[in-house]
PDB file of N, CA and C in Angstrom:
ATOM      1  N   UNK A   1     -11.721 -17.444  15.045  1.00  0.00           N
ATOM      2  CA  UNK A   1     -10.932 -16.221  15.208  1.00  0.00           C
ATOM      3  C   UNK A   1     -10.343 -15.767  13.876  1.00  0.00           C
ATOM      4  N   UNK A   2      -9.840 -16.669  13.063  1.00  0.00           N
ATOM      5  CA  UNK A   2      -9.261 -16.283  11.782  1.00  0.00           C
ATOM      6  C   UNK A   2     -10.310 -15.670  10.863  1.00  0.00           C
ATOM      7  N   UNK A   3     -11.522 -16.187  10.893  1.00  0.00           N
ATOM      8  CA  UNK A   3     -12.587 -15.658  10.040  1.00  0.00           C
ATOM      9  C   UNK A   3     -12.901 -14.221  10.442  1.00  0.00           C
ATOM     10  N   UNK A   4     -12.970 -13.959  11.731  1.00  0.00           N
ATOM     11  CA  UNK A   4     -13.258 -12.602  12.206  1.00  0.00           C
ATOM     12  C   UNK A   4     -12.164 -11.642  11.754  1.00  0.00           C
ATOM     13  N   UNK A   5     -10.900 -12.034  11.851  1.00  0.00           N
ATOM     14  CA  UNK A   5      -9.805 -11.172  11.415  1.00  0.00           C
ATOM     15  C   UNK A   5      -9.874 -10.939   9.912  1.00  0.00           C
ATOM     16  N   UNK A   6     -10.181 -12.001   9.159  1.00  0.00           N
ATOM     17  CA  UNK A   6     -10.284 -11.860   7.712  1.00  0.00           C
ATOM     18  C   UNK A   6     -11.412 -10.898   7.354  1.00  0.00           C
ATOM     19  N   UNK A   7     -12.545 -11.032   8.015  1.00  0.00           N
ATOM     20  CA  UNK A   7     -13.678 -10.153   7.738  1.00  0.00           C
ATOM     21  C   UNK A   7     -13.341  -8.699   8.070  1.00  0.00           C
ATOM     22  N   UNK A   8     -12.624  -8.468   9.172  1.00  0.00           N
ATOM     23  CA  UNK A   8     -12.231  -7.103   9.527  1.00  0.00           C
ATOM     24  C   UNK A   8     -11.288  -6.517   8.475  1.00  0.00           C
ATOM     25  N   UNK A   9     -10.385  -7.345   7.950  1.00  0.00           N
ATOM     26  CA  UNK A   9      -9.475  -6.881   6.908  1.00  0.00           C
ATOM     27  C   UNK A   9     -10.250  -6.521   5.646  1.00  0.00           C
ATOM     28  N   UNK A  10     -11.240  -7.353   5.295  1.00  0.00           N
ATOM     29  CA  UNK A  10     -12.055  -7.071   4.118  1.00  0.00           C
ATOM     30  C   UNK A  10     -12.822  -5.766   4.307  1.00  0.00           C
ATOM     31  N   UNK A  11     -13.417  -5.583   5.474  1.00  0.00           N
ATOM     32  CA  UNK A  11     -14.167  -4.353   5.748  1.00  0.00           C
ATOM     33  C   UNK A  11     -13.263  -3.126   5.698  1.00  0.00           C
ATOM     34  N   UNK A  12     -12.065  -3.243   6.251  1.00  0.00           N
ATOM     35  CA  UNK A  12     -11.123  -2.117   6.236  1.00  0.00           C
ATOM     36  C   UNK A  12     -10.721  -1.776   4.801  1.00  0.00           C
ATOM     37  N   UNK A  13     -10.489  -2.810   3.996  1.00  0.00           N
ATOM     38  CA  UNK A  13     -10.111  -2.560   2.605  1.00  0.00           C
ATOM     39  C   UNK A  13     -11.263  -1.920   1.844  1.00  0.00           C
ATOM     40  N   UNK A  14     -12.479  -2.426   2.027  1.00  0.00           N
ATOM     41  CA  UNK A  14     -13.633  -1.863   1.327  1.00  0.00           C
ATOM     42  C   UNK A  14     -13.815  -0.389   1.671  1.00  0.00           C
ATOM     43  N   UNK A  15     -13.577  -0.038   2.940  1.00  0.00           N
ATOM     44  CA  UNK A  15     -13.666   1.362   3.349  1.00  0.00           C
ATOM     45  C   UNK A  15     -12.585   2.183   2.642  1.00  0.00           C
ATOM     46  N   UNK A  16     -11.356   1.674   2.626  1.00  0.00           N
ATOM     47  CA  UNK A  16     -10.254   2.393   1.983  1.00  0.00           C
ATOM     48  C   UNK A  16     -10.481   2.541   0.484  1.00  0.00           C
ATOM     49  N   UNK A  17     -11.034   1.498  -0.141  1.00  0.00           N
ATOM     50  CA  UNK A  17     -11.244   1.521  -1.590  1.00  0.00           C
ATOM     51  C   UNK A  17     -12.213   2.624  -1.997  1.00  0.00           C
ATOM     52  N   UNK A  18     -13.134   2.981  -1.122  1.00  0.00           N
ATOM     53  CA  UNK A  18     -14.066   4.067  -1.416  1.00  0.00           C
ATOM     54  C   UNK A  18     -13.324   5.388  -1.610  1.00  0.00           C
ATOM     55  N   UNK A  19     -12.152   5.481  -1.008  1.00  0.00           N
ATOM     56  CA  UNK A  19     -11.349   6.701  -1.088  1.00  0.00           C
ATOM     57  C   UNK A  19     -10.114   6.495  -1.959  1.00  0.00           C
ATOM     58  N   UNK A  20     -10.208   5.551  -2.911  1.00  0.00           N
ATOM     59  CA  UNK A  20      -9.193   5.310  -3.935  1.00  0.00           C
ATOM     60  C   UNK A  20      -7.914   4.653  -3.427  1.00  0.00           C
ATOM     61  N   UNK A  21      -7.947   4.064  -2.258  1.00  0.00           N
ATOM     62  CA  UNK A  21      -6.780   3.323  -1.765  1.00  0.00           C
ATOM     63  C   UNK A  21      -6.818   1.907  -2.329  1.00  0.00           C
ATOM     64  N   UNK A  22      -5.644   1.342  -2.531  1.00  0.00           N
ATOM     65  CA  UNK A  22      -5.590  -0.052  -2.983  1.00  0.00           C
ATOM     66  C   UNK A  22      -4.249  -0.669  -2.611  1.00  0.00           C
ATOM     67  N   UNK A  23      -4.232  -1.992  -2.626  1.00  0.00           N
ATOM     68  CA  UNK A  23      -3.026  -2.739  -2.308  1.00  0.00           C
ATOM     69  C   UNK A  23      -2.272  -3.082  -3.584  1.00  0.00           C
ATOM     70  N   UNK A  24      -0.951  -2.996  -3.501  1.00  0.00           N
ATOM     71  CA  UNK A  24      -0.068  -3.555  -4.509  1.00  0.00           C
ATOM     72  C   UNK A  24       0.574  -4.760  -3.826  1.00  0.00           C
ATOM     73  N   UNK A  25       0.338  -5.936  -4.395  1.00  0.00           N
ATOM     74  CA  UNK A  25       0.787  -7.178  -3.764  1.00  0.00           C
ATOM     75  C   UNK A  25       1.947  -7.785  -4.527  1.00  0.00           C
ATOM     76  N   UNK A  26       2.821  -8.448  -3.791  1.00  0.00           N
ATOM     77  CA  UNK A  26       3.942  -9.170  -4.370  1.00  0.00           C
ATOM     78  C   UNK A  26       3.680 -10.661  -4.187  1.00  0.00           C
ATOM     79  N   UNK A  27       3.659 -11.380  -5.297  1.00  0.00           N
ATOM     80  CA  UNK A  27       3.363 -12.816  -5.277  1.00  0.00           C
ATOM     81  C   UNK A  27       4.523 -13.607  -5.850  1.00  0.00           C
ATOM     82  N   UNK A  28       4.702 -14.809  -5.339  1.00  0.00           N
ATOM     83  CA  UNK A  28       5.623 -15.788  -5.899  1.00  0.00           C
ATOM     84  C   UNK A  28       4.743 -16.955  -6.340  1.00  0.00           C
ATOM     85  N   UNK A  29       4.442 -17.026  -7.627  1.00  0.00           N
ATOM     86  CA  UNK A  29       3.432 -17.958  -8.155  1.00  0.00           C
ATOM     87  C   UNK A  29       2.100 -17.649  -7.478  1.00  0.00           C
ATOM     88  N   UNK A  30       1.663 -18.479  -6.539  1.00  0.00           N
ATOM     89  CA  UNK A  30       0.386 -18.243  -5.862  1.00  0.00           C
ATOM     90  C   UNK A  30       0.575 -17.835  -4.399  1.00  0.00           C
ATOM     91  N   UNK A  31       1.801 -17.740  -3.939  1.00  0.00           N
ATOM     92  CA  UNK A  31       2.093 -17.394  -2.547  1.00  0.00           C
ATOM     93  C   UNK A  31       2.227 -15.884  -2.389  1.00  0.00           C
ATOM     94  N   UNK A  32       1.468 -15.330  -1.444  1.00  0.00           N
ATOM     95  CA  UNK A  32       1.559 -13.904  -1.134  1.00  0.00           C
ATOM     96  C   UNK A  32       2.811 -13.661  -0.304  1.00  0.00           C
ATOM     97  N   UNK A  33       3.690 -12.791  -0.798  1.00  0.00           N
ATOM     98  CA  UNK A  33       4.936 -12.470  -0.103  1.00  0.00           C
ATOM     99  C   UNK A  33       4.754 -11.227   0.757  1.00  0.00           C
ATOM    100  N   UNK A  34       4.086 -10.216   0.220  1.00  0.00           N
ATOM    101  CA  UNK A  34       3.894  -8.977   0.958  1.00  0.00           C
ATOM    102  C   UNK A  34       3.018  -8.020   0.179  1.00  0.00           C
ATOM    103  N   UNK A  35       2.791  -6.844   0.767  1.00  0.00           N
ATOM    104  CA  UNK A  35       1.937  -5.847   0.132  1.00  0.00           C
ATOM    105  C   UNK A  35       2.264  -4.459   0.638  1.00  0.00           C
ATOM    106  N   UNK A  36       1.821  -3.477  -0.120  1.00  0.00           N
ATOM    107  CA  UNK A  36       1.884  -2.081   0.275  1.00  0.00           C
ATOM    108  C   UNK A  36       0.511  -1.481  -0.032  1.00  0.00           C
ATOM    109  N   UNK A  37      -0.030  -0.723   0.908  1.00  0.00           N
ATOM    110  CA  UNK A  37      -1.318  -0.055   0.734  1.00  0.00           C
ATOM    111  C   UNK A  37      -1.045   1.387   0.355  1.00  0.00           C
ATOM    112  N   UNK A  38      -1.504   1.778  -0.821  1.00  0.00           N
ATOM    113  CA  UNK A  38      -1.270   3.144  -1.273  1.00  0.00           C
ATOM    114  C   UNK A  38      -2.595   3.882  -1.417  1.00  0.00           C
ATOM    115  N   UNK A  39      -2.506   5.174  -1.235  1.00  0.00           N
ATOM    116  CA  UNK A  39      -3.693   6.016  -1.235  1.00  0.00           C
ATOM    117  C   UNK A  39      -3.266   7.389  -1.733  1.00  0.00           C
ATOM    118  N   UNK A  40      -4.213   8.185  -2.126  1.00  0.00           N
ATOM    119  CA  UNK A  40      -3.890   9.563  -2.478  1.00  0.00           C
ATOM    120  C   UNK A  40      -4.770  10.505  -1.676  1.00  0.00           C
ATOM    121  N   UNK A  41      -4.232  11.649  -1.398  1.00  0.00           N
ATOM    122  CA  UNK A  41      -4.961  12.622  -0.596  1.00  0.00           C
ATOM    123  C   UNK A  41      -4.386  13.999  -0.836  1.00  0.00           C
ATOM    124  N   UNK A  42      -4.639  14.903   0.084  1.00  0.00           N
ATOM    125  CA  UNK A  42      -4.169  16.282  -0.031  1.00  0.00           C
ATOM    126  C   UNK A  42      -3.442  16.701   1.230  1.00  0.00           C
ATOM    127  N   UNK A  43      -2.360  17.408   1.044  1.00  0.00           N
ATOM    128  CA  UNK A  43      -1.621  17.982   2.159  1.00  0.00           C
ATOM    129  C   UNK A  43      -2.450  19.150   2.684  1.00  0.00           C
ATOM    130  N   UNK A  44      -2.823  19.093   3.946  1.00  0.00           N
ATOM    131  CA  UNK A  44      -3.690  20.118   4.514  1.00  0.00           C
ATOM    132  C   UNK A  44      -3.011  21.477   4.643  1.00  0.00           C
ATOM    133  N   UNK A  45      -1.685  21.484   4.653  1.00  0.00           N
ATOM    134  CA  UNK A  45      -0.975  22.751   4.804  1.00  0.00           C
ATOM    135  C   UNK A  45      -0.862  23.531   3.501  1.00  0.00           C
ATOM    136  N   UNK A  46      -0.602  22.821   2.396  1.00  0.00           N
ATOM    137  CA  UNK A  46      -0.389  23.549   1.149  1.00  0.00           C
ATOM    138  C   UNK A  46      -1.381  23.185   0.037  1.00  0.00           C
ATOM    139  N   UNK A  47      -2.244  22.198   0.269  1.00  0.00           N
ATOM    140  CA  UNK A  47      -3.262  21.825  -0.704  1.00  0.00           C
ATOM    141  C   UNK A  47      -2.786  20.942  -1.833  1.00  0.00           C
ATOM    142  N   UNK A  48      -1.492  20.575  -1.839  1.00  0.00           N
ATOM    143  CA  UNK A  48      -0.967  19.707  -2.887  1.00  0.00           C
ATOM    144  C   UNK A  48      -1.524  18.293  -2.763  1.00  0.00           C
ATOM    145  N   UNK A  49      -1.761  17.670  -3.919  1.00  0.00           N
ATOM    146  CA  UNK A  49      -2.147  16.260  -3.894  1.00  0.00           C
ATOM    147  C   UNK A  49      -0.897  15.443  -3.588  1.00  0.00           C
ATOM    148  N   UNK A  50      -1.037  14.483  -2.698  1.00  0.00           N
ATOM    149  CA  UNK A  50       0.089  13.643  -2.286  1.00  0.00           C
ATOM    150  C   UNK A  50      -0.316  12.181  -2.345  1.00  0.00           C
ATOM    151  N   UNK A  51       0.677  11.342  -2.448  1.00  0.00           N
ATOM    152  CA  UNK A  51       0.464   9.906  -2.343  1.00  0.00           C
ATOM    153  C   UNK A  51       0.795   9.467  -0.928  1.00  0.00           C
ATOM    154  N   UNK A  52      -0.036   8.597  -0.373  1.00  0.00           N
ATOM    155  CA  UNK A  52       0.174   8.094   0.983  1.00  0.00           C
ATOM    156  C   UNK A  52       0.526   6.617   0.923  1.00  0.00           C
ATOM    157  N   UNK A  53       1.498   6.223   1.705  1.00  0.00           N
ATOM    158  CA  UNK A  53       1.789   4.807   1.912  1.00  0.00           C
ATOM    159  C   UNK A  53       1.338   4.510   3.331  1.00  0.00           C
ATOM    160  N   UNK A  54       0.230   3.796   3.436  1.00  0.00           N
ATOM    161  CA  UNK A  54      -0.391   3.568   4.730  1.00  0.00           C
ATOM    162  C   UNK A  54       0.033   2.265   5.386  1.00  0.00           C
ATOM    163  N   UNK A  55       0.496   1.312   4.591  1.00  0.00           N
ATOM    164  CA  UNK A  55       0.808  -0.002   5.140  1.00  0.00           C
ATOM    165  C   UNK A  55       1.844  -0.670   4.252  1.00  0.00           C
ATOM    166  N   UNK A  56       2.816  -1.299   4.866  1.00  0.00           N
ATOM    167  CA  UNK A  56       3.824  -2.082   4.156  1.00  0.00           C
ATOM    168  C   UNK A  56       4.090  -3.317   4.990  1.00  0.00           C
ATOM    169  N   UNK A  57       3.991  -4.488   4.360  1.00  0.00           N
ATOM    170  CA  UNK A  57       4.200  -5.727   5.108  1.00  0.00           C
ATOM    171  C   UNK A  57       4.835  -6.772   4.206  1.00  0.00           C
ATOM    172  N   UNK A  58       5.837  -7.469   4.747  1.00  0.00           N
ATOM    173  CA  UNK A  58       6.449  -8.626   4.101  1.00  0.00           C
ATOM    174  C   UNK A  58       6.416  -9.765   5.118  1.00  0.00           C
ATOM    175  N   UNK A  59       5.928 -10.930   4.682  1.00  0.00           N
ATOM    176  CA  UNK A  59       5.859 -12.090   5.579  1.00  0.00           C
ATOM    177  C   UNK A  59       7.245 -12.415   6.124  1.00  0.00           C
ATOM    178  N   UNK A  60       7.280 -12.857   7.369  1.00  0.00           N
ATOM    179  CA  UNK A  60       8.543 -13.078   8.085  1.00  0.00           C
ATOM    180  C   UNK A  60       9.524 -13.956   7.313  1.00  0.00           C
ATOM    181  N   UNK A  61       9.059 -15.015   6.708  1.00  0.00           N
ATOM    182  CA  UNK A  61       9.965 -15.951   6.035  1.00  0.00           C
ATOM    183  C   UNK A  61      10.594 -15.364   4.765  1.00  0.00           C
ATOM    184  N   UNK A  62      10.087 -14.211   4.300  1.00  0.00           N
ATOM    185  CA  UNK A  62      10.617 -13.579   3.091  1.00  0.00           C
ATOM    186  C   UNK A  62      11.433 -12.323   3.385  1.00  0.00           C
ATOM    187  N   UNK A  63      11.537 -11.953   4.641  1.00  0.00           N
ATOM    188  CA  UNK A  63      12.255 -10.729   4.997  1.00  0.00           C
ATOM    189  C   UNK A  63      13.756 -10.879   4.769  1.00  0.00           C
ATOM    190  N   UNK A  64      14.413  -9.749   4.522  1.00  0.00           N
ATOM    191  CA  UNK A  64      15.853  -9.748   4.309  1.00  0.00           C
ATOM    192  C   UNK A  64      16.241 -10.028   2.861  1.00  0.00           C
ATOM    193  N   UNK A  65      15.270 -10.033   1.955  1.00  0.00           N
ATOM    194  CA  UNK A  65      15.529 -10.314   0.548  1.00  0.00           C
ATOM    195  C   UNK A  65      15.274  -9.118  -0.359  1.00  0.00           C
ATOM    196  N   UNK A  66      15.025  -7.951   0.225  1.00  0.00           N
ATOM    197  CA  UNK A  66      14.800  -6.752  -0.566  1.00  0.00           C
ATOM    198  C   UNK A  66      13.375  -6.581  -1.066  1.00  0.00           C
ATOM    199  N   UNK A  67      12.439  -7.392  -0.562  1.00  0.00           N
ATOM    200  CA  UNK A  67      11.059  -7.302  -1.039  1.00  0.00           C
ATOM    201  C   UNK A  67      10.365  -6.021  -0.592  1.00  0.00           C
ATOM    202  N   UNK A  68      10.663  -5.527   0.602  1.00  0.00           N
ATOM    203  CA  UNK A  68      10.057  -4.267   1.057  1.00  0.00           C
ATOM    204  C   UNK A  68      10.508  -3.122   0.156  1.00  0.00           C
ATOM    205  N   UNK A  69      11.774  -3.107  -0.195  1.00  0.00           N
ATOM    206  CA  UNK A  69      12.286  -2.083  -1.100  1.00  0.00           C
ATOM    207  C   UNK A  69      11.594  -2.184  -2.461  1.00  0.00           C
ATOM    208  N   UNK A  70      11.415  -3.399  -2.948  1.00  0.00           N
ATOM    209  CA  UNK A  70      10.742  -3.614  -4.224  1.00  0.00           C
ATOM    210  C   UNK A  70       9.302  -3.099  -4.178  1.00  0.00           C
ATOM    211  N   UNK A  71       8.606  -3.373  -3.087  1.00  0.00           N
ATOM    212  CA  UNK A  71       7.235  -2.888  -2.923  1.00  0.00           C
ATOM    213  C   UNK A  71       7.182  -1.364  -2.854  1.00  0.00           C
ATOM    214  N   UNK A  72       8.125  -0.744  -2.148  1.00  0.00           N
ATOM    215  CA  UNK A  72       8.163   0.721  -2.065  1.00  0.00           C
ATOM    216  C   UNK A  72       8.431   1.326  -3.442  1.00  0.00           C
ATOM    217  N   UNK A  73       9.357   0.737  -4.187  1.00  0.00           N
ATOM    218  CA  UNK A  73       9.635   1.232  -5.530  1.00  0.00           C
ATOM    219  C   UNK A  73       8.403   1.123  -6.422  1.00  0.00           C
ATOM    220  N   UNK A  74       7.681   0.024  -6.300  1.00  0.00           N
ATOM    221  CA  UNK A  74       6.476  -0.156  -7.093  1.00  0.00           C
ATOM    222  C   UNK A  74       5.407   0.863  -6.692  1.00  0.00           C
ATOM    223  N   UNK A  75       5.295   1.142  -5.400  1.00  0.00           N
ATOM    224  CA  UNK A  75       4.343   2.156  -4.937  1.00  0.00           C
ATOM    225  C   UNK A  75       4.704   3.519  -5.527  1.00  0.00           C
ATOM    226  N   UNK A  76       5.975   3.883  -5.504  1.00  0.00           N
ATOM    227  CA  UNK A  76       6.397   5.159  -6.085  1.00  0.00           C
ATOM    228  C   UNK A  76       6.074   5.204  -7.582  1.00  0.00           C
ATOM    229  N   UNK A  77       6.315   4.102  -8.285  1.00  0.00           N
ATOM    230  CA  UNK A  77       5.994   4.037  -9.710  1.00  0.00           C
ATOM    231  C   UNK A  77       4.498   4.212  -9.951  1.00  0.00           C
ATOM    232  N   UNK A  78       3.678   3.613  -9.097  1.00  0.00           N
ATOM    233  CA  UNK A  78       2.223   3.771  -9.212  1.00  0.00           C
ATOM    234  C   UNK A  78       1.836   5.246  -9.067  1.00  0.00           C
ATOM    235  N   UNK A  79       2.400   5.902  -8.063  1.00  0.00           N
ATOM    236  CA  UNK A  79       2.081   7.314  -7.844  1.00  0.00           C
ATOM    237  C   UNK A  79       2.480   8.165  -9.043  1.00  0.00           C
ATOM    238  N   UNK A  80       3.675   7.944  -9.542  1.00  0.00           N
ATOM    239  CA  UNK A  80       4.202   8.789 -10.615  1.00  0.00           C
ATOM    240  C   UNK A  80       3.563   8.459 -11.959  1.00  0.00           C
ATOM    241  N   UNK A  81       3.560   7.193 -12.347  1.00  0.00           N
ATOM    242  CA  UNK A  81       3.117   6.809 -13.689  1.00  0.00           C
ATOM    243  C   UNK A  81       1.598   6.811 -13.847  1.00  0.00           C
ATOM    244  N   UNK A  82       0.869   6.359 -12.846  1.00  0.00           N
ATOM    245  CA  UNK A  82      -0.582   6.227 -12.969  1.00  0.00           C
ATOM    246  C   UNK A  82      -1.305   7.473 -12.476  1.00  0.00           C
ATOM    247  N   UNK A  83      -0.879   7.991 -11.328  1.00  0.00           N
ATOM    248  CA  UNK A  83      -1.608   9.098 -10.707  1.00  0.00           C
ATOM    249  C   UNK A  83      -0.965  10.465 -10.940  1.00  0.00           C
ATOM    250  N   UNK A  84       0.220  10.513 -11.559  1.00  0.00           N
ATOM    251  CA  UNK A  84       0.966  11.755 -11.796  1.00  0.00           C
ATOM    252  C   UNK A  84       1.182  12.542 -10.503  1.00  0.00           C
ATOM    253  N   UNK A  85       1.435  11.826  -9.423  1.00  0.00           N
ATOM    254  CA  UNK A  85       1.712  12.439  -8.126  1.00  0.00           C
ATOM    255  C   UNK A  85       3.210  12.341  -7.870  1.00  0.00           C
ATOM    256  N   UNK A  86       3.834  13.481  -7.591  1.00  0.00           N
ATOM    257  CA  UNK A  86       5.271  13.505  -7.390  1.00  0.00           C
ATOM    258  C   UNK A  86       5.677  13.616  -5.928  1.00  0.00           C
ATOM    259  N   UNK A  87       4.710  13.833  -5.020  1.00  0.00           N
ATOM    260  CA  UNK A  87       5.003  13.967  -3.603  1.00  0.00           C
ATOM    261  C   UNK A  87       4.423  12.757  -2.878  1.00  0.00           C
ATOM    262  N   UNK A  88       5.272  12.036  -2.162  1.00  0.00           N
ATOM    263  CA  UNK A  88       4.830  10.876  -1.405  1.00  0.00           C
ATOM    264  C   UNK A  88       5.070  11.101   0.078  1.00  0.00           C
ATOM    265  N   UNK A  89       4.139  10.618   0.900  1.00  0.00           N
ATOM    266  CA  UNK A  89       4.270  10.695   2.347  1.00  0.00           C
ATOM    267  C   UNK A  89       4.050   9.304   2.909  1.00  0.00           C
ATOM    268  N   UNK A  90       4.823   8.968   3.928  1.00  0.00           N
ATOM    269  CA  UNK A  90       4.727   7.659   4.564  1.00  0.00           C
ATOM    270  C   UNK A  90       4.085   7.835   5.930  1.00  0.00           C
ATOM    271  N   UNK A  91       3.104   7.034   6.224  1.00  0.00           N
ATOM    272  CA  UNK A  91       2.413   7.068   7.503  1.00  0.00           C
ATOM    273  C   UNK A  91       2.994   5.964   8.374  1.00  0.00           C
ATOM    274  N   UNK A  92       3.860   6.325   9.333  1.00  0.00           N
ATOM    275  CA  UNK A  92       4.514   5.323  10.189  1.00  0.00           C
ATOM    276  C   UNK A  92       3.825   5.184  11.513  1.00  0.00           C
TER     277      UNK A  92
END
């Protein structure tokens, strides 16, 4: 069962990567703490390029330490500094 879930995650990521989406991961040495999936697209109403936050996750044992906020800040920095995108949208 774990292999099937892992394979589905890999397939989903490969599909997203074709459209310029990628994960920003937070690590403590070699331990994965959490991640945010960021993507860029266009607002269908006004045609502006926007940054999308499609996924945000922090492992249960690390919650309550501000890691989600840190990941969101890093996602915003990625949009602004790397992609020059000033409008962000969150997909909840």
